[in-house]
Amino acid sequence: MTRIAIFASGSGSNAENIVNYFKENDNVTISLILTNKANAYVLERAKKLNIEALVFNKTQFLETDEITRFLAKKNINMIVLAGFLLKMPENLIKSFPDKIINIHPALLPKYGGKGMYGDNVHKAVVENKETESGITIHYVNENYDEGKIIFQAKCEVSSTDSYEDVAAKIHELEYEHFPKAIDSLIRK
């Protein structure tokens, strides 16, 4: 049984999509949703989906082993980052080698790194007149957006696209491919 913990900092639409994808799968369970934001809408989604949620602060996450111990106690064996904005601490990466997966709203290595998330990425894509963008699903290591790439999907960016248009295309790719990529890793 693969027991997944999802980390999210925002609305949690990707988290909900992943939960729904695995709902009928007897070999995978989404056990926890964790967030560093007490007012994140992902907590409402967790409640509605009947999934245990945990809110933690930056100190607990970055300066203690509290979260790592909590995940071990819950027998978590995979972590999925779905719009989670804090850098993963070394103790968590060491405890879950090649078991922490992130999705990035661009074709890495372009538009990755600190501060490159959400609309910041889409605005940069449009400002730089890119003709394509996409998503990158990758393993997490100690550097932002530098872990080994697992999967990428592309979409066209037209010269008339606003950053909101690009964001909508990226969300479609995320919803379509993120759960399937996780599933494919589990089946390996």
C-alpha atoms as a PDB file:
ATOM      1  CA  MET A   1       0.000   0.000   0.000  1.00  0.00           C
ATOM      2  CA  THR A   2       1.371   3.392  -0.987  1.00  0.00           C
ATOM      3  CA  ARG A   3       0.461   6.018   1.566  1.00  0.00           C
ATOM      4  CA  ILE A   4       0.802   9.549   0.163  1.00  0.00           C
ATOM      5  CA  ALA A   5       1.024  12.849   1.995  1.00  0.00           C
ATOM      6  CA  ILE A   6       0.256  15.923  -0.081  1.00  0.00           C
ATOM      7  CA  PHE A   7       1.838  19.260   0.838  1.00  0.00           C
ATOM      8  CA  ALA A   8       0.051  22.371  -0.469  1.00  0.00           C
ATOM      9  CA  SER A   9       0.131  26.078   0.347  1.00  0.00           C
ATOM     10  CA  GLY A  10      -2.881  27.377  -1.559  1.00  0.00           C
ATOM     11  CA  SER A  11      -6.287  26.421  -2.887  1.00  0.00           C
ATOM     12  CA  GLY A  12      -5.504  22.740  -3.287  1.00  0.00           C
ATOM     13  CA  SER A  13      -7.155  22.090  -6.653  1.00  0.00           C
ATOM     14  CA  ASN A  14      -4.284  19.788  -7.677  1.00  0.00           C
ATOM     15  CA  ALA A  15      -4.489  18.017  -4.320  1.00  0.00           C
ATOM     16  CA  GLU A  16      -8.217  17.409  -4.786  1.00  0.00           C
ATOM     17  CA  ASN A  17      -7.639  16.177  -8.329  1.00  0.00           C
ATOM     18  CA  ILE A  18      -5.035  13.677  -7.083  1.00  0.00           C
ATOM     19  CA  VAL A  19      -7.326  12.473  -4.282  1.00  0.00           C
ATOM     20  CA  ASN A  20     -10.175  11.919  -6.733  1.00  0.00           C
ATOM     21  CA  TYR A  21      -7.893  10.093  -9.181  1.00  0.00           C
ATOM     22  CA  PHE A  22      -6.838   7.557  -6.546  1.00  0.00           C
ATOM     23  CA  LYS A  23     -10.232   7.262  -4.822  1.00  0.00           C
ATOM     24  CA  GLU A  24     -11.005   3.828  -6.306  1.00  0.00           C
ATOM     25  CA  ASN A  25      -7.435   2.510  -6.100  1.00  0.00           C
ATOM     26  CA  ASP A  26      -7.013  -0.068  -3.330  1.00  0.00           C
ATOM     27  CA  ASN A  27      -3.208   0.130  -3.493  1.00  0.00           C
ATOM     28  CA  VAL A  28      -2.900   3.879  -2.948  1.00  0.00           C
ATOM     29  CA  THR A  29      -4.298   6.101  -0.255  1.00  0.00           C
ATOM     30  CA  ILE A  30      -3.949   9.827   0.218  1.00  0.00           C
ATOM     31  CA  SER A  31      -3.484   9.782   3.975  1.00  0.00           C
ATOM     32  CA  LEU A  32      -2.665  13.385   4.798  1.00  0.00           C
ATOM     33  CA  ILE A  33      -2.760  16.916   3.534  1.00  0.00           C
ATOM     34  CA  LEU A  34      -0.226  19.242   5.117  1.00  0.00           C
ATOM     35  CA  THR A  35       0.055  23.002   4.787  1.00  0.00           C
ATOM     36  CA  ASN A  36       2.090  25.874   6.132  1.00  0.00           C
ATOM     37  CA  LYS A  37      -0.849  28.298   5.753  1.00  0.00           C
ATOM     38  CA  ALA A  38      -3.633  28.208   8.358  1.00  0.00           C
ATOM     39  CA  ASN A  39      -6.007  29.972   5.949  1.00  0.00           C
ATOM     40  CA  ALA A  40      -5.210  27.868   2.844  1.00  0.00           C
ATOM     41  CA  TYR A  41      -8.328  26.666   1.034  1.00  0.00           C
ATOM     42  CA  VAL A  42      -6.726  23.227   0.749  1.00  0.00           C
ATOM     43  CA  LEU A  43      -7.860  22.716   4.375  1.00  0.00           C
ATOM     44  CA  GLU A  44     -11.509  23.089   3.307  1.00  0.00           C
ATOM     45  CA  ARG A  45     -10.902  20.588   0.524  1.00  0.00           C
ATOM     46  CA  ALA A  46      -9.300  18.151   2.987  1.00  0.00           C
ATOM     47  CA  LYS A  47     -12.331  18.439   5.269  1.00  0.00           C
ATOM     48  CA  LYS A  48     -14.728  17.873   2.372  1.00  0.00           C
ATOM     49  CA  LEU A  49     -12.658  14.886   1.173  1.00  0.00           C
ATOM     50  CA  ASN A  50     -12.478  13.488   4.716  1.00  0.00           C
ATOM     51  CA  ILE A  51      -8.670  13.501   4.770  1.00  0.00           C
ATOM     52  CA  GLU A  52      -6.656  14.304   7.867  1.00  0.00           C
ATOM     53  CA  ALA A  53      -4.926  17.677   7.626  1.00  0.00           C
ATOM     54  CA  LEU A  54      -2.085  19.264   9.519  1.00  0.00           C
ATOM     55  CA  VAL A  55      -1.084  22.918   9.684  1.00  0.00           C
ATOM     56  CA  PHE A  56       2.496  23.595  10.696  1.00  0.00           C
ATOM     57  CA  ASN A  57       4.665  26.674  11.007  1.00  0.00           C
ATOM     58  CA  LYS A  58       7.965  27.422   9.314  1.00  0.00           C
ATOM     59  CA  THR A  59       9.996  26.715  12.462  1.00  0.00           C
ATOM     60  CA  GLN A  60       8.417  23.281  12.957  1.00  0.00           C
ATOM     61  CA  PHE A  61       9.090  22.483   9.325  1.00  0.00           C
ATOM     62  CA  LEU A  62      12.594  23.845   8.823  1.00  0.00           C
ATOM     63  CA  GLU A  63      14.211  23.631  12.250  1.00  0.00           C
ATOM     64  CA  THR A  64      12.866  20.436  13.835  1.00  0.00           C
ATOM     65  CA  ASP A  65      12.212  16.792  12.948  1.00  0.00           C
ATOM     66  CA  GLU A  66       8.568  17.158  13.995  1.00  0.00           C
ATOM     67  CA  ILE A  67       7.102  16.786  10.494  1.00  0.00           C
ATOM     68  CA  THR A  68       9.416  13.902   9.574  1.00  0.00           C
ATOM     69  CA  ARG A  69       8.425  12.050  12.767  1.00  0.00           C
ATOM     70  CA  PHE A  70       4.730  12.753  12.125  1.00  0.00           C
ATOM     71  CA  LEU A  71       4.978  11.335   8.585  1.00  0.00           C
ATOM     72  CA  ALA A  72       6.809   8.246   9.877  1.00  0.00           C
ATOM     73  CA  LYS A  73       4.158   7.706  12.551  1.00  0.00           C
ATOM     74  CA  LYS A  74       1.494   7.789   9.797  1.00  0.00           C
ATOM     75  CA  ASN A  75       3.510   5.302   7.662  1.00  0.00           C
ATOM     76  CA  ILE A  76       3.797   7.719   4.747  1.00  0.00           C
ATOM     77  CA  ASN A  77       6.002   6.406   1.961  1.00  0.00           C
ATOM     78  CA  MET A  78       5.561   9.106  -0.701  1.00  0.00           C
ATOM     79  CA  ILE A  79       5.246  12.888  -0.573  1.00  0.00           C
ATOM     80  CA  VAL A  80       3.623  14.927  -3.321  1.00  0.00           C
ATOM     81  CA  LEU A  81       4.080  18.693  -3.479  1.00  0.00           C
ATOM     82  CA  ALA A  82       1.061  20.314  -5.108  1.00  0.00           C
ATOM     83  CA  GLY A  83       1.575  24.058  -4.963  1.00  0.00           C
ATOM     84  CA  PHE A  84       3.756  23.950  -1.864  1.00  0.00           C
ATOM     85  CA  LEU A  85       5.975  26.999  -1.611  1.00  0.00           C
ATOM     86  CA  LEU A  86       8.549  26.217   1.083  1.00  0.00           C
ATOM     87  CA  LYS A  87      11.869  24.602   0.273  1.00  0.00           C
ATOM     88  CA  MET A  88      11.998  21.030   1.587  1.00  0.00           C
ATOM     89  CA  PRO A  89      14.414  20.660   4.514  1.00  0.00           C
ATOM     90  CA  GLU A  90      17.351  18.280   4.282  1.00  0.00           C
ATOM     91  CA  ASN A  91      16.033  15.946   7.007  1.00  0.00           C
ATOM     92  CA  LEU A  92      12.836  15.316   5.011  1.00  0.00           C
ATOM     93  CA  ILE A  93      14.720  14.781   1.744  1.00  0.00           C
ATOM     94  CA  LYS A  94      17.035  12.264   3.458  1.00  0.00           C
ATOM     95  CA  SER A  95      14.082  10.450   5.044  1.00  0.00           C
ATOM     96  CA  PHE A  96      12.272  10.160   1.683  1.00  0.00           C
ATOM     97  CA  PRO A  97      14.989   9.674  -0.964  1.00  0.00           C
ATOM     98  CA  ASP A  98      13.429   9.760  -4.458  1.00  0.00           C
ATOM     99  CA  LYS A  99       9.999   9.705  -2.797  1.00  0.00           C
ATOM    100  CA  ILE A 100       9.217  13.444  -2.897  1.00  0.00           C
ATOM    101  CA  ILE A 101       7.648  14.612  -6.145  1.00  0.00           C
ATOM    102  CA  ASN A 102       6.906  18.186  -7.193  1.00  0.00           C
ATOM    103  CA  ILE A 103       5.081  19.761 -10.107  1.00  0.00           C
ATOM    104  CA  HIS A 104       6.396  22.985 -11.605  1.00  0.00           C
ATOM    105  CA  PRO A 105       4.328  25.192 -13.960  1.00  0.00           C
ATOM    106  CA  ALA A 106       7.054  25.559 -16.616  1.00  0.00           C
ATOM    107  CA  LEU A 107       9.430  23.493 -18.690  1.00  0.00           C
ATOM    108  CA  LEU A 108      12.420  23.221 -16.384  1.00  0.00           C
ATOM    109  CA  PRO A 109      15.182  24.206 -16.345  1.00  0.00           C
ATOM    110  CA  LYS A 110      13.548  27.392 -17.667  1.00  0.00           C
ATOM    111  CA  TYR A 111      11.673  29.538 -15.140  1.00  0.00           C
ATOM    112  CA  GLY A 112      12.671  27.541 -12.079  1.00  0.00           C
ATOM    113  CA  GLY A 113      14.212  28.517  -8.777  1.00  0.00           C
ATOM    114  CA  LYS A 114      13.355  30.668  -5.799  1.00  0.00           C
ATOM    115  CA  GLY A 115      10.364  32.945  -6.386  1.00  0.00           C
ATOM    116  CA  MET A 116       9.363  31.204  -9.609  1.00  0.00           C
ATOM    117  CA  TYR A 117       5.904  29.828  -8.843  1.00  0.00           C
ATOM    118  CA  GLY A 118       2.347  30.352 -10.039  1.00  0.00           C
ATOM    119  CA  ASP A 119       1.638  33.614 -11.806  1.00  0.00           C
ATOM    120  CA  ASN A 120       5.284  34.726 -11.474  1.00  0.00           C
ATOM    121  CA  VAL A 121       6.196  31.934 -13.893  1.00  0.00           C
ATOM    122  CA  HIS A 122       3.349  32.644 -16.329  1.00  0.00           C
ATOM    123  CA  LYS A 123       4.126  36.368 -16.394  1.00  0.00           C
ATOM    124  CA  ALA A 124       7.802  35.631 -17.139  1.00  0.00           C
ATOM    125  CA  VAL A 125       6.817  33.255 -19.953  1.00  0.00           C
ATOM    126  CA  VAL A 126       4.596  35.924 -21.564  1.00  0.00           C
ATOM    127  CA  GLU A 127       7.105  38.781 -21.000  1.00  0.00           C
ATOM    128  CA  ASN A 128       9.846  36.733 -22.660  1.00  0.00           C
ATOM    129  CA  LYS A 129       7.600  35.991 -25.638  1.00  0.00           C
ATOM    130  CA  GLU A 130       7.973  32.220 -25.293  1.00  0.00           C
ATOM    131  CA  THR A 131       6.114  30.159 -27.901  1.00  0.00           C
ATOM    132  CA  GLU A 132       5.600  27.225 -25.555  1.00  0.00           C
ATOM    133  CA  SER A 133       5.350  26.444 -21.891  1.00  0.00           C
ATOM    134  CA  GLY A 134       4.249  23.427 -19.918  1.00  0.00           C
ATOM    135  CA  ILE A 135       4.666  21.447 -16.747  1.00  0.00           C
ATOM    136  CA  THR A 136       7.556  19.558 -15.246  1.00  0.00           C
ATOM    137  CA  ILE A 137       7.093  16.792 -12.709  1.00  0.00           C
ATOM    138  CA  HIS A 138      10.364  16.122 -10.906  1.00  0.00           C
ATOM    139  CA  TYR A 139      11.950  14.612  -7.837  1.00  0.00           C
ATOM    140  CA  VAL A 140      12.802  17.060  -5.073  1.00  0.00           C
ATOM    141  CA  ASN A 141      16.374  17.562  -3.958  1.00  0.00           C
ATOM    142  CA  GLU A 142      18.038  20.212  -1.820  1.00  0.00           C
ATOM    143  CA  ASN A 143      17.791  22.893  -4.543  1.00  0.00           C
ATOM    144  CA  TYR A 144      14.630  24.548  -5.864  1.00  0.00           C
ATOM    145  CA  ASP A 145      13.434  22.870  -9.082  1.00  0.00           C
ATOM    146  CA  GLU A 146      16.691  21.024  -9.776  1.00  0.00           C
ATOM    147  CA  GLY A 147      15.681  17.430  -9.024  1.00  0.00           C
ATOM    148  CA  LYS A 148      15.686  14.767 -11.737  1.00  0.00           C
ATOM    149  CA  ILE A 149      12.887  15.304 -14.253  1.00  0.00           C
ATOM    150  CA  ILE A 150      10.246  12.565 -14.335  1.00  0.00           C
ATOM    151  CA  PHE A 151       7.843  13.952 -16.944  1.00  0.00           C
ATOM    152  CA  GLN A 152       7.136  17.066 -19.008  1.00  0.00           C
ATOM    153  CA  ALA A 153       4.115  18.118 -21.069  1.00  0.00           C
ATOM    154  CA  LYS A 154       3.993  21.144 -23.355  1.00  0.00           C
ATOM    155  CA  CYS A 155       1.420  23.639 -24.549  1.00  0.00           C
ATOM    156  CA  GLU A 156       1.572  26.371 -27.145  1.00  0.00           C
ATOM    157  CA  VAL A 157       1.789  30.008 -26.061  1.00  0.00           C
ATOM    158  CA  SER A 158       0.465  32.398 -28.693  1.00  0.00           C
ATOM    159  CA  SER A 159       1.550  36.011 -29.056  1.00  0.00           C
ATOM    160  CA  THR A 160      -1.909  37.137 -27.893  1.00  0.00           C
ATOM    161  CA  ASP A 161      -1.973  34.992 -24.727  1.00  0.00           C
ATOM    162  CA  SER A 162      -2.112  36.822 -21.417  1.00  0.00           C
ATOM    163  CA  TYR A 163      -0.452  35.273 -18.388  1.00  0.00           C
ATOM    164  CA  GLU A 164      -3.970  34.204 -17.276  1.00  0.00           C
ATOM    165  CA  ASP A 165      -4.388  32.343 -20.593  1.00  0.00           C
ATOM    166  CA  VAL A 166      -1.080  30.581 -20.029  1.00  0.00           C
ATOM    167  CA  ALA A 167      -2.099  29.737 -16.446  1.00  0.00           C
ATOM    168  CA  ALA A 168      -5.334  28.134 -17.693  1.00  0.00           C
ATOM    169  CA  LYS A 169      -3.416  25.988 -20.197  1.00  0.00           C
ATOM    170  CA  ILE A 170      -0.942  24.944 -17.510  1.00  0.00           C
ATOM    171  CA  HIS A 171      -3.738  23.994 -15.084  1.00  0.00           C
ATOM    172  CA  GLU A 172      -5.252  21.736 -17.748  1.00  0.00           C
ATOM    173  CA  LEU A 173      -1.901  19.987 -18.184  1.00  0.00           C
ATOM    174  CA  GLU A 174      -1.485  19.631 -14.418  1.00  0.00           C
ATOM    175  CA  TYR A 175      -4.925  18.098 -13.923  1.00  0.00           C
ATOM    176  CA  GLU A 176      -4.449  15.709 -16.838  1.00  0.00           C
ATOM    177  CA  HIS A 177      -0.892  14.537 -16.177  1.00  0.00           C
ATOM    178  CA  PHE A 178       0.049  14.904 -12.490  1.00  0.00           C
ATOM    179  CA  PRO A 179      -2.063  12.035 -11.089  1.00  0.00           C
ATOM    180  CA  LYS A 180      -1.057   9.758 -13.995  1.00  0.00           C
ATOM    181  CA  ALA A 181       2.643  10.497 -13.438  1.00  0.00           C
ATOM    182  CA  ILE A 182       2.309   9.692  -9.722  1.00  0.00           C
ATOM    183  CA  ASP A 183       0.460   6.473 -10.597  1.00  0.00           C
ATOM    184  CA  SER A 184       3.159   5.484 -13.062  1.00  0.00           C
ATOM    185  CA  LEU A 185       5.880   6.000 -10.412  1.00  0.00           C
ATOM    186  CA  ILE A 186       3.975   3.871  -7.922  1.00  0.00           C
ATOM    187  CA  ARG A 187       3.628   1.042 -10.448  1.00  0.00           C
ATOM    188  CA  LYS A 188       7.387   0.939 -11.196  1.00  0.00           C
END
